[in-house]
Protein backbone atom coordinates (compact mmCIF):
# COMPACT_ATOMS: atom_id res chain seq x y z
CA MET A 1 0.00 0.00 0.00
CA LYS A 2 1.80 3.11 -1.23
CA SER A 3 -0.98 5.65 -1.54
CA PRO A 4 -1.08 8.16 1.35
CA GLU A 5 -4.87 8.18 1.08
CA TYR A 6 -5.08 4.39 1.58
CA VAL A 7 -2.63 4.52 4.47
CA ALA A 8 -4.67 7.24 6.15
CA LEU A 9 -7.90 5.32 5.57
CA THR A 10 -6.39 2.12 6.95
CA LEU A 11 -5.09 3.85 10.05
CA ARG A 12 -8.45 5.54 10.58
CA GLU A 13 -10.49 2.34 10.08
CA TRP A 14 -8.11 -0.20 11.64
CA LYS A 15 -10.79 -1.75 13.85
CA THR A 16 -12.93 -2.66 10.84
CA LEU A 17 -10.08 -3.79 8.58
CA THR A 18 -10.49 -7.47 7.76
CA PHE A 19 -8.61 -9.98 5.66
CA ASP A 20 -11.50 -12.46 5.73
CA PRO A 21 -12.32 -12.07 1.99
CA PHE A 22 -8.67 -12.77 1.11
CA THR A 23 -8.53 -15.78 3.42
CA THR A 24 -11.74 -17.17 1.97
CA ALA A 25 -10.48 -16.65 -1.59
CA PHE A 26 -7.19 -18.37 -0.68
CA VAL A 27 -9.00 -21.36 0.84
CA LYS A 28 -11.27 -21.60 -2.18
CA ASN A 29 -8.87 -20.92 -5.03
CA ALA A 30 -5.35 -21.76 -3.86
CA LEU A 31 -6.19 -24.70 -1.61
CA GLY A 32 -9.10 -25.95 -3.70
CA ALA A 33 -11.29 -26.46 -0.64
CA PRO A 34 -14.60 -28.24 -1.21
CA PRO A 35 -17.79 -26.12 -1.22
CA ASP A 36 -18.85 -27.14 2.30
CA VAL A 37 -15.53 -25.88 3.70
CA VAL A 38 -15.77 -22.63 1.74
CA ASP A 39 -19.32 -22.19 3.12
CA VAL A 40 -17.93 -22.28 6.66
CA PHE A 41 -15.60 -19.41 5.81
CA GLU A 42 -18.24 -17.41 3.90
CA LYS A 43 -21.34 -17.95 6.04
CA THR A 44 -20.09 -18.13 9.62
CA MET A 45 -18.07 -16.03 12.04
CA TYR A 46 -15.32 -18.70 12.11
CA LEU A 47 -12.49 -16.37 11.06
CA THR A 48 -13.51 -13.67 13.53
CA GLU A 49 -13.82 -16.21 16.35
CA ILE A 50 -10.46 -17.86 15.62
CA HIS A 51 -8.80 -14.45 15.38
CA THR A 52 -10.22 -13.45 18.76
CA LYS A 53 -9.04 -16.69 20.38
CA MET A 54 -5.57 -16.52 18.80
CA HIS A 55 -5.17 -12.86 19.75
CA GLY A 56 -6.04 -13.68 23.35
CA ALA A 57 -3.71 -16.68 23.44
CA LEU A 58 -0.78 -14.85 21.84
CA SER A 59 -1.07 -11.51 23.64
CA ILE A 60 1.44 -10.81 26.36
CA GLY A 61 0.08 -12.18 29.59
CA PRO A 62 -0.66 -15.43 31.42
CA ASP A 63 -2.06 -17.29 28.38
CA LEU A 64 1.07 -16.65 26.32
CA ALA A 65 3.26 -17.59 29.27
CA LYS A 66 1.37 -20.90 29.67
CA SER A 67 1.75 -21.64 25.94
CA ASN A 68 5.47 -20.91 26.08
CA VAL A 69 5.91 -23.15 29.12
CA ARG A 70 4.08 -26.00 27.35
CA VAL A 71 6.24 -25.65 24.24
CA LEU A 72 9.46 -25.53 26.25
CA ASN A 73 8.46 -28.52 28.37
CA VAL A 74 7.80 -30.63 25.28
CA LEU A 75 11.05 -29.51 23.65
CA ALA A 76 12.96 -30.34 26.83
CA ARG A 77 11.93 -34.00 26.43
CA TYR A 78 13.96 -34.10 23.23
CA LEU A 79 17.16 -32.69 24.69
CA VAL A 80 18.60 -36.02 25.78
CA PRO A 81 21.71 -37.17 23.90
CA GLN A 82 20.82 -39.56 21.10
CA GLU A 83 21.87 -40.43 17.61
CA THR A 84 19.06 -39.49 15.25
CA ASN A 85 18.04 -37.55 12.16
CA LEU A 86 18.07 -33.96 13.43
CA TYR A 87 15.42 -32.80 10.94
CA ALA A 88 13.02 -35.59 11.92
CA LEU A 89 13.67 -34.96 15.61
CA LEU A 90 13.01 -31.22 15.35
CA ARG A 91 10.00 -31.72 13.08
CA GLU A 92 8.40 -34.09 15.58
CA ALA A 93 9.38 -32.01 18.62
CA TYR A 94 8.04 -28.74 17.22
CA THR A 95 4.87 -30.34 15.89
CA ILE A 96 4.08 -31.85 19.29
CA ALA A 97 5.12 -28.67 21.10
CA MET A 98 2.83 -26.50 18.97
CA GLY A 99 -0.02 -28.96 19.49
CA GLU A 100 0.63 -28.78 23.23
CA ALA A 101 0.54 -24.99 23.09
CA PHE A 102 -2.76 -24.99 21.18
CA TYR A 103 -4.55 -27.90 22.86
CA GLY A 104 -2.97 -28.04 26.31
CA PRO A 105 -2.96 -31.33 28.20
CA ASP A 106 -5.51 -32.91 25.81
CA ASN A 107 -3.10 -32.56 22.89
CA PRO A 108 -4.13 -35.02 20.10
CA VAL A 109 -1.08 -34.22 17.95
CA PRO A 110 1.40 -36.89 19.16
CA GLY A 111 -0.79 -39.61 17.65
CA LEU A 112 -1.20 -37.67 14.39
CA ILE A 113 2.38 -36.67 13.46
CA ASP A 114 2.56 -38.83 10.33
CA GLU A 115 -0.87 -37.71 9.16
CA ILE A 116 -0.11 -34.02 9.74
CA TRP A 117 3.08 -34.18 7.71
CA TYR A 118 1.45 -36.33 5.03
CA ILE A 119 -1.20 -33.64 4.50
CA TYR A 120 1.45 -30.91 4.61
CA ASN A 121 3.51 -32.69 1.95
CA LEU A 122 0.43 -33.20 -0.25
CA PHE A 123 -0.22 -29.47 0.00
CA LEU A 124 3.38 -28.73 -1.04
CA LEU A 125 3.10 -31.07 -4.02
CA ARG A 126 -0.04 -29.25 -5.14
CA HIS A 127 1.32 -25.76 -4.39
CA PRO A 128 5.12 -25.99 -4.56
CA HIS A 129 5.76 -22.24 -4.56
CA THR A 130 3.57 -21.39 -1.56
CA PHE A 131 6.34 -21.38 1.06
């Protein structure tokens, strides 16, 4: 955004600025989501609700501190000396740690590591220049 008018408008209307239409278009066009998934993005408050929850969880304060502690505790389990593939070790550790940060003690991620990375790799095959 280079236009001074757009910058001024954005700064003035920052509380109503939303990226929901872009996110919905990305889900629909880039990811090729099925119509029922696109409907969730278009016809519900899902994006607003998830944004509110993520903002609360990632704002400085007790929720962020709890998430950081969970991540660090999971990563600490991997810091024992062992001979292994470093990439695989870090991939598993960070995947579980992020799941722990999002889900807390009821983290379902440890049992889904292979599935998560299978889906991720399928996405990369379909959209190789995304990341």
